[in-house]
């Protein structure tokens, strides 16, 4: 089974969800990948942001170096072939449906059967930095979502 996780930039929400989900599911037949819907040029501060994510993942026992996968023809094709796509927001869900025609798509919350809502992006686009409080709360929430998603997939 191939699962795609999608957010806006693939720096925080889908990226962290991917790593938490991998840590909770050890099924070798499960392929998990994440990507964003914004192009490479959208985040000139990418390295700084990914280092912040890496540091927080390491604190939580996940020792990886996040690599951003921006929107491209390649990511579009990967998503077309996915068995399940989970998105951070309804807007991103609609974008993916329009651009891939894949109907096996739900938001993070929709998949686990919770109230439909968007997972807020901790990145402040005006000042081009992560909001520290939203960033910390986001890690806690993504870990919870990953646990519930893993249980549903088992």
N, C-alpha and C. Protein backbone atom coordinates (compact mmCIF):
# COMPACT_ATOMS: atom_id res chain seq x y z
N UNK A 1 0.84 -1.18 0.00
CA UNK A 1 0.00 0.00 0.00
C UNK A 1 0.88 1.24 0.00
N UNK A 2 0.52 2.23 -0.82
CA UNK A 2 1.25 3.50 -0.90
C UNK A 2 0.40 4.60 -0.30
N UNK A 3 1.00 5.32 0.67
CA UNK A 3 0.30 6.42 1.34
C UNK A 3 1.07 7.71 1.12
N UNK A 4 0.39 8.72 0.59
CA UNK A 4 0.97 10.04 0.42
C UNK A 4 0.42 11.00 1.45
N UNK A 5 1.29 11.77 2.07
CA UNK A 5 0.91 12.77 3.07
C UNK A 5 1.26 14.13 2.48
N UNK A 6 0.30 15.06 2.48
CA UNK A 6 0.51 16.31 1.76
C UNK A 6 0.13 17.52 2.61
N UNK A 7 1.00 18.52 2.58
CA UNK A 7 0.69 19.81 3.18
C UNK A 7 1.13 20.89 2.20
N UNK A 8 1.23 22.10 2.67
CA UNK A 8 1.55 23.21 1.77
C UNK A 8 3.01 23.18 1.30
N UNK A 9 3.94 23.10 2.24
CA UNK A 9 5.35 23.22 1.87
C UNK A 9 6.20 21.98 2.06
N UNK A 10 5.65 20.95 2.75
CA UNK A 10 6.40 19.74 3.07
C UNK A 10 7.63 20.05 3.92
N UNK A 11 7.43 20.97 4.85
CA UNK A 11 8.50 21.28 5.79
C UNK A 11 8.11 20.78 7.18
N UNK A 12 6.86 20.95 7.54
CA UNK A 12 6.45 20.56 8.88
C UNK A 12 5.36 19.48 8.90
N UNK A 13 4.13 19.83 8.56
CA UNK A 13 2.99 18.94 8.82
C UNK A 13 3.12 17.57 8.15
N UNK A 14 3.21 17.50 6.85
CA UNK A 14 3.27 16.18 6.19
C UNK A 14 4.61 15.50 6.45
N UNK A 15 5.66 16.29 6.54
CA UNK A 15 7.00 15.75 6.80
C UNK A 15 7.07 15.04 8.16
N UNK A 16 6.60 15.73 9.19
CA UNK A 16 6.63 15.17 10.54
C UNK A 16 5.67 13.99 10.65
N UNK A 17 4.50 14.13 10.04
CA UNK A 17 3.52 13.03 10.03
C UNK A 17 4.16 11.78 9.42
N UNK A 18 4.86 11.95 8.31
CA UNK A 18 5.54 10.81 7.67
C UNK A 18 6.48 10.10 8.63
N UNK A 19 7.31 10.86 9.33
CA UNK A 19 8.31 10.25 10.22
C UNK A 19 7.67 9.60 11.45
N UNK A 20 6.65 10.23 12.01
CA UNK A 20 5.94 9.61 13.13
C UNK A 20 5.23 8.34 12.68
N UNK A 21 4.57 8.39 11.54
CA UNK A 21 3.84 7.22 11.04
C UNK A 21 4.80 6.06 10.76
N UNK A 22 5.94 6.36 10.15
CA UNK A 22 6.96 5.32 9.91
C UNK A 22 7.42 4.69 11.21
N UNK A 23 7.56 5.51 12.26
CA UNK A 23 8.04 4.98 13.55
C UNK A 23 7.00 4.09 14.22
N UNK A 24 5.75 4.26 13.85
CA UNK A 24 4.67 3.50 14.49
C UNK A 24 4.24 2.27 13.67
N UNK A 25 4.57 2.26 12.40
CA UNK A 25 4.20 1.13 11.53
C UNK A 25 5.48 0.57 10.91
N UNK A 26 5.73 -0.68 11.15
CA UNK A 26 6.96 -1.31 10.63
C UNK A 26 6.67 -2.24 9.45
N UNK A 27 5.52 -2.11 8.82
CA UNK A 27 5.11 -2.96 7.70
C UNK A 27 5.96 -2.65 6.47
N UNK A 28 6.71 -3.63 6.01
CA UNK A 28 7.58 -3.43 4.85
C UNK A 28 6.80 -3.28 3.54
N UNK A 29 5.53 -3.67 3.53
CA UNK A 29 4.70 -3.52 2.34
C UNK A 29 4.01 -2.17 2.27
N UNK A 30 4.28 -1.33 3.24
CA UNK A 30 3.67 -0.01 3.30
C UNK A 30 4.69 1.03 2.87
N UNK A 31 4.38 1.77 1.82
CA UNK A 31 5.25 2.83 1.34
C UNK A 31 4.63 4.16 1.73
N UNK A 32 5.34 4.94 2.54
CA UNK A 32 4.85 6.23 3.02
C UNK A 32 5.75 7.31 2.45
N UNK A 33 5.14 8.34 1.86
CA UNK A 33 5.92 9.46 1.37
C UNK A 33 5.16 10.75 1.65
N UNK A 34 5.88 11.86 1.68
CA UNK A 34 5.23 13.14 1.90
C UNK A 34 5.71 14.14 0.85
N UNK A 35 4.87 15.14 0.61
CA UNK A 35 5.22 16.19 -0.33
C UNK A 35 4.40 17.43 -0.02
N UNK A 36 4.76 18.52 -0.68
CA UNK A 36 4.02 19.77 -0.53
C UNK A 36 3.44 20.19 -1.86
N UNK A 37 2.53 21.16 -1.81
CA UNK A 37 1.91 21.65 -3.05
C UNK A 37 2.56 22.94 -3.54
N UNK A 38 3.53 23.46 -2.81
CA UNK A 38 4.24 24.66 -3.27
C UNK A 38 5.55 24.27 -3.95
N UNK A 39 5.99 25.09 -4.90
CA UNK A 39 7.23 24.77 -5.63
C UNK A 39 8.48 25.01 -4.77
N UNK A 40 9.59 24.54 -5.27
CA UNK A 40 10.89 24.64 -4.58
C UNK A 40 11.21 26.07 -4.16
N UNK A 41 10.94 27.04 -5.02
CA UNK A 41 11.32 28.44 -4.75
C UNK A 41 10.49 29.08 -3.64
N UNK A 42 9.46 28.44 -3.17
CA UNK A 42 8.58 29.04 -2.16
C UNK A 42 9.24 29.23 -0.80
N UNK A 43 10.30 28.47 -0.52
CA UNK A 43 10.92 28.53 0.80
C UNK A 43 12.43 28.72 0.70
N UNK A 44 12.88 29.98 0.53
CA UNK A 44 14.34 30.21 0.52
C UNK A 44 14.99 29.86 1.86
N UNK A 45 14.18 29.87 2.94
CA UNK A 45 14.70 29.56 4.28
C UNK A 45 14.56 28.08 4.61
N UNK A 46 14.43 27.25 3.60
CA UNK A 46 14.17 25.82 3.76
C UNK A 46 15.14 25.12 4.72
N UNK A 47 16.44 25.35 4.59
CA UNK A 47 17.42 24.65 5.43
C UNK A 47 17.24 24.98 6.91
N UNK A 48 16.99 26.24 7.22
CA UNK A 48 16.78 26.65 8.61
C UNK A 48 15.54 25.96 9.17
N UNK A 49 14.46 25.99 8.40
CA UNK A 49 13.20 25.38 8.86
C UNK A 49 13.34 23.88 9.05
N UNK A 50 13.99 23.21 8.10
CA UNK A 50 14.17 21.76 8.22
C UNK A 50 15.06 21.39 9.39
N UNK A 51 16.04 22.23 9.70
CA UNK A 51 16.88 21.98 10.88
C UNK A 51 16.06 22.07 12.17
N UNK A 52 15.13 23.03 12.23
CA UNK A 52 14.25 23.13 13.40
C UNK A 52 13.41 21.86 13.55
N UNK A 53 12.91 21.36 12.44
CA UNK A 53 12.12 20.13 12.46
C UNK A 53 12.98 18.96 12.90
N UNK A 54 14.19 18.86 12.35
CA UNK A 54 15.10 17.77 12.69
C UNK A 54 15.40 17.77 14.19
N UNK A 55 15.72 18.94 14.75
CA UNK A 55 16.03 19.04 16.17
C UNK A 55 14.88 18.54 17.04
N UNK A 56 13.67 18.91 16.67
CA UNK A 56 12.50 18.49 17.46
C UNK A 56 12.23 17.00 17.29
N UNK A 57 12.43 16.46 16.09
CA UNK A 57 12.26 15.01 15.87
C UNK A 57 13.27 14.22 16.71
N UNK A 58 14.51 14.68 16.74
CA UNK A 58 15.55 14.01 17.52
C UNK A 58 15.19 14.00 19.00
N UNK A 59 14.66 15.12 19.51
CA UNK A 59 14.22 15.18 20.91
C UNK A 59 13.16 14.12 21.20
N UNK A 60 12.42 13.74 20.16
CA UNK A 60 11.33 12.77 20.31
C UNK A 60 11.74 11.36 19.88
N UNK A 61 13.05 11.16 19.70
CA UNK A 61 13.57 9.82 19.43
C UNK A 61 13.55 9.40 17.97
N UNK A 62 13.34 10.34 17.06
CA UNK A 62 13.35 10.02 15.63
C UNK A 62 14.54 10.73 15.01
N UNK A 63 15.56 9.96 14.67
CA UNK A 63 16.81 10.53 14.17
C UNK A 63 16.86 10.45 12.65
N UNK A 64 16.30 11.46 12.01
CA UNK A 64 16.31 11.54 10.55
C UNK A 64 16.66 12.97 10.15
N UNK A 65 17.04 13.13 8.90
CA UNK A 65 17.20 14.48 8.39
C UNK A 65 16.10 14.71 7.35
N UNK A 66 15.14 15.57 7.68
CA UNK A 66 14.03 15.81 6.76
C UNK A 66 14.51 16.41 5.44
N UNK A 67 13.93 15.94 4.37
CA UNK A 67 14.23 16.45 3.03
C UNK A 67 12.90 16.88 2.41
N UNK A 68 12.83 18.11 1.98
CA UNK A 68 11.59 18.67 1.44
C UNK A 68 11.34 18.16 0.01
N UNK A 69 10.10 17.74 -0.24
CA UNK A 69 9.69 17.32 -1.58
C UNK A 69 8.62 18.29 -2.05
N UNK A 70 9.00 19.28 -2.88
CA UNK A 70 8.04 20.26 -3.35
C UNK A 70 7.17 19.71 -4.50
N UNK A 71 6.16 20.47 -4.88
CA UNK A 71 5.26 20.09 -5.97
C UNK A 71 6.04 20.04 -7.28
N UNK A 72 5.83 18.97 -8.02
CA UNK A 72 6.47 18.80 -9.33
C UNK A 72 5.66 17.76 -10.11
N UNK A 73 6.02 17.56 -11.36
CA UNK A 73 5.38 16.50 -12.15
C UNK A 73 5.60 15.14 -11.50
N UNK A 74 6.77 14.95 -10.91
CA UNK A 74 7.08 13.67 -10.25
C UNK A 74 6.17 13.43 -9.03
N UNK A 75 5.97 14.47 -8.21
CA UNK A 75 5.10 14.28 -7.05
C UNK A 75 3.66 14.07 -7.49
N UNK A 76 3.24 14.76 -8.54
CA UNK A 76 1.89 14.56 -9.07
C UNK A 76 1.69 13.10 -9.47
N UNK A 77 2.67 12.53 -10.16
CA UNK A 77 2.58 11.13 -10.60
C UNK A 77 2.59 10.17 -9.41
N UNK A 78 3.40 10.48 -8.40
CA UNK A 78 3.42 9.64 -7.19
C UNK A 78 2.04 9.62 -6.53
N UNK A 79 1.42 10.79 -6.46
CA UNK A 79 0.11 10.89 -5.83
C UNK A 79 -0.98 10.22 -6.65
N UNK A 80 -0.86 10.26 -7.96
CA UNK A 80 -1.83 9.56 -8.82
C UNK A 80 -1.84 8.07 -8.52
N UNK A 81 -0.68 7.53 -8.17
CA UNK A 81 -0.53 6.09 -7.93
C UNK A 81 -0.75 5.69 -6.47
N UNK A 82 -0.97 6.66 -5.60
CA UNK A 82 -1.13 6.36 -4.17
C UNK A 82 -2.47 5.66 -3.91
N UNK A 83 -2.45 4.71 -2.97
CA UNK A 83 -3.67 4.03 -2.56
C UNK A 83 -4.49 4.89 -1.59
N UNK A 84 -3.78 5.77 -0.88
CA UNK A 84 -4.43 6.66 0.07
C UNK A 84 -3.61 7.94 0.15
N UNK A 85 -4.30 9.08 0.15
CA UNK A 85 -3.65 10.37 0.32
C UNK A 85 -4.31 11.07 1.50
N UNK A 86 -3.48 11.55 2.42
CA UNK A 86 -3.98 12.31 3.57
C UNK A 86 -3.42 13.72 3.48
N UNK A 87 -4.29 14.71 3.63
CA UNK A 87 -3.87 16.11 3.49
C UNK A 87 -4.10 16.88 4.78
N UNK A 88 -3.33 17.94 4.95
CA UNK A 88 -3.43 18.78 6.14
C UNK A 88 -4.68 19.64 6.14
N UNK A 89 -5.17 20.01 4.96
CA UNK A 89 -6.33 20.91 4.87
C UNK A 89 -7.28 20.47 3.77
N UNK A 90 -8.50 20.98 3.85
CA UNK A 90 -9.49 20.73 2.81
C UNK A 90 -9.07 21.39 1.50
N UNK A 91 -8.49 22.57 1.57
CA UNK A 91 -8.01 23.26 0.36
C UNK A 91 -6.97 22.41 -0.37
N UNK A 92 -6.05 21.82 0.37
CA UNK A 92 -5.03 20.97 -0.26
C UNK A 92 -5.67 19.71 -0.81
N UNK A 93 -6.64 19.15 -0.09
CA UNK A 93 -7.37 17.98 -0.59
C UNK A 93 -7.99 18.28 -1.95
N UNK A 94 -8.67 19.41 -2.07
CA UNK A 94 -9.30 19.78 -3.33
C UNK A 94 -8.28 20.02 -4.44
N UNK A 95 -7.13 20.61 -4.10
CA UNK A 95 -6.06 20.82 -5.06
C UNK A 95 -5.55 19.48 -5.60
N UNK A 96 -5.35 18.52 -4.71
CA UNK A 96 -4.84 17.20 -5.11
C UNK A 96 -5.87 16.48 -5.98
N UNK A 97 -7.13 16.52 -5.61
CA UNK A 97 -8.17 15.88 -6.43
C UNK A 97 -8.15 16.48 -7.84
N UNK A 98 -8.11 17.79 -7.91
CA UNK A 98 -8.12 18.48 -9.22
C UNK A 98 -6.89 18.12 -10.06
N UNK A 99 -5.74 18.01 -9.42
CA UNK A 99 -4.49 17.82 -10.17
C UNK A 99 -4.08 16.37 -10.37
N UNK A 100 -4.72 15.44 -9.68
CA UNK A 100 -4.34 14.03 -9.84
C UNK A 100 -5.50 13.14 -10.23
N UNK A 101 -6.71 13.61 -10.01
CA UNK A 101 -7.94 12.81 -10.24
C UNK A 101 -8.03 11.61 -9.30
N UNK A 102 -7.13 11.52 -8.32
CA UNK A 102 -7.17 10.45 -7.33
C UNK A 102 -8.30 10.75 -6.35
N UNK A 103 -9.18 9.80 -6.15
CA UNK A 103 -10.34 9.99 -5.26
C UNK A 103 -10.12 9.37 -3.88
N UNK A 104 -9.01 8.68 -3.68
CA UNK A 104 -8.71 8.04 -2.39
C UNK A 104 -7.99 9.03 -1.49
N UNK A 105 -8.69 10.09 -1.15
CA UNK A 105 -8.06 11.19 -0.44
C UNK A 105 -8.95 11.68 0.70
N UNK A 106 -8.31 11.93 1.83
CA UNK A 106 -9.00 12.44 3.02
C UNK A 106 -8.06 13.41 3.73
N UNK A 107 -8.65 14.27 4.56
CA UNK A 107 -7.80 15.10 5.40
C UNK A 107 -7.30 14.24 6.57
N UNK A 108 -6.30 14.74 7.27
CA UNK A 108 -5.76 14.01 8.42
C UNK A 108 -6.88 13.63 9.39
N UNK A 109 -7.75 14.59 9.70
CA UNK A 109 -8.82 14.37 10.68
C UNK A 109 -9.94 13.51 10.12
N UNK A 110 -10.28 13.71 8.88
CA UNK A 110 -11.34 12.93 8.24
C UNK A 110 -11.01 11.44 8.26
N UNK A 111 -9.76 11.09 8.02
CA UNK A 111 -9.37 9.68 7.96
C UNK A 111 -9.58 8.97 9.30
N UNK A 112 -9.30 9.66 10.39
CA UNK A 112 -9.44 9.01 11.70
C UNK A 112 -10.83 9.18 12.29
N UNK A 113 -11.74 9.78 11.52
CA UNK A 113 -13.13 9.88 11.95
C UNK A 113 -13.43 11.01 12.92
N UNK A 114 -12.56 12.01 12.97
CA UNK A 114 -12.81 13.15 13.85
C UNK A 114 -13.49 14.27 13.06
N UNK A 115 -13.91 15.29 13.78
CA UNK A 115 -14.55 16.45 13.17
C UNK A 115 -13.65 17.02 12.08
N UNK A 116 -14.26 17.34 10.95
CA UNK A 116 -13.51 17.87 9.81
C UNK A 116 -12.98 19.26 10.16
N UNK A 117 -11.66 19.40 10.10
CA UNK A 117 -11.01 20.68 10.33
C UNK A 117 -9.65 20.66 9.67
N UNK A 118 -9.08 21.84 9.51
CA UNK A 118 -7.75 21.96 8.93
C UNK A 118 -6.71 21.89 10.03
N UNK A 119 -5.55 21.34 9.69
CA UNK A 119 -4.41 21.35 10.60
C UNK A 119 -3.63 22.63 10.29
N UNK A 120 -3.63 23.54 11.23
CA UNK A 120 -3.04 24.86 11.01
C UNK A 120 -1.53 24.79 10.79
N UNK A 121 -1.07 25.56 9.82
CA UNK A 121 0.35 25.65 9.49
C UNK A 121 1.05 26.54 10.53
N UNK A 122 2.11 26.06 11.18
CA UNK A 122 2.80 26.90 12.17
C UNK A 122 3.72 27.95 11.52
N UNK A 123 3.88 27.88 10.20
CA UNK A 123 4.76 28.83 9.52
C UNK A 123 4.01 30.14 9.31
N UNK A 124 4.62 31.23 9.77
CA UNK A 124 4.05 32.56 9.58
C UNK A 124 4.64 33.13 8.29
N UNK A 125 3.83 33.22 7.27
CA UNK A 125 4.30 33.65 5.95
C UNK A 125 4.68 35.13 5.91
N UNK A 126 4.14 35.95 6.83
CA UNK A 126 4.48 37.37 6.85
C UNK A 126 5.91 37.59 7.35
N UNK A 127 6.28 36.90 8.42
CA UNK A 127 7.63 37.11 8.98
C UNK A 127 8.60 36.00 8.56
N UNK A 128 8.08 35.00 7.82
CA UNK A 128 8.89 33.90 7.27
C UNK A 128 9.58 33.07 8.34
N UNK A 129 8.86 32.80 9.44
CA UNK A 129 9.39 31.97 10.54
C UNK A 129 8.27 31.10 11.10
N UNK A 130 8.67 30.02 11.80
CA UNK A 130 7.71 29.19 12.51
C UNK A 130 7.22 29.94 13.74
N UNK A 131 5.94 29.81 14.04
CA UNK A 131 5.41 30.31 15.29
C UNK A 131 5.79 29.27 16.35
N UNK A 132 6.63 29.62 17.34
CA UNK A 132 7.14 28.62 18.29
C UNK A 132 6.06 27.84 19.04
N UNK A 133 4.99 28.51 19.45
CA UNK A 133 3.93 27.82 20.18
C UNK A 133 3.17 26.85 19.28
N UNK A 134 2.82 27.29 18.08
CA UNK A 134 2.12 26.42 17.12
C UNK A 134 3.01 25.26 16.71
N UNK A 135 4.31 25.51 16.60
CA UNK A 135 5.27 24.49 16.22
C UNK A 135 5.30 23.37 17.27
N UNK A 136 5.42 23.73 18.55
CA UNK A 136 5.46 22.74 19.64
C UNK A 136 4.14 21.99 19.75
N UNK A 137 3.02 22.73 19.73
CA UNK A 137 1.70 22.09 19.80
C UNK A 137 1.48 21.19 18.58
N UNK A 138 2.00 21.62 17.44
CA UNK A 138 1.85 20.84 16.21
C UNK A 138 2.51 19.48 16.32
N UNK A 139 3.66 19.41 16.93
CA UNK A 139 4.35 18.12 17.11
C UNK A 139 3.51 17.17 17.96
N UNK A 140 2.94 17.70 19.02
CA UNK A 140 2.11 16.87 19.89
C UNK A 140 0.90 16.36 19.13
N UNK A 141 0.26 17.24 18.37
CA UNK A 141 -0.94 16.86 17.62
C UNK A 141 -0.61 15.87 16.50
N UNK A 142 0.48 16.08 15.80
CA UNK A 142 0.84 15.16 14.71
C UNK A 142 1.18 13.78 15.26
N UNK A 143 1.84 13.74 16.40
CA UNK A 143 2.12 12.43 16.98
C UNK A 143 0.83 11.70 17.34
N UNK A 144 -0.14 12.44 17.87
CA UNK A 144 -1.46 11.85 18.18
C UNK A 144 -2.14 11.36 16.89
N UNK A 145 -2.14 12.19 15.86
CA UNK A 145 -2.75 11.80 14.59
C UNK A 145 -2.07 10.57 13.99
N UNK A 146 -0.75 10.53 14.08
CA UNK A 146 0.00 9.39 13.53
C UNK A 146 -0.36 8.10 14.29
N UNK A 147 -0.50 8.19 15.60
CA UNK A 147 -0.87 7.02 16.40
C UNK A 147 -2.24 6.50 15.99
N UNK A 148 -3.21 7.39 15.88
CA UNK A 148 -4.56 7.00 15.48
C UNK A 148 -4.61 6.48 14.04
N UNK A 149 -3.83 7.10 13.17
CA UNK A 149 -3.77 6.64 11.78
C UNK A 149 -3.14 5.25 11.70
N UNK A 150 -2.06 5.04 12.44
CA UNK A 150 -1.40 3.74 12.45
C UNK A 150 -2.35 2.67 12.94
N UNK A 151 -3.10 2.95 14.00
CA UNK A 151 -4.07 1.97 14.52
C UNK A 151 -5.14 1.64 13.49
N UNK A 152 -5.57 2.63 12.75
CA UNK A 152 -6.60 2.41 11.73
C UNK A 152 -6.06 1.60 10.55
N UNK A 153 -4.79 1.76 10.24
CA UNK A 153 -4.19 1.06 9.11
C UNK A 153 -3.83 -0.39 9.42
N UNK A 154 -3.69 -0.74 10.71
CA UNK A 154 -3.26 -2.07 11.10
C UNK A 154 -4.36 -3.09 10.87
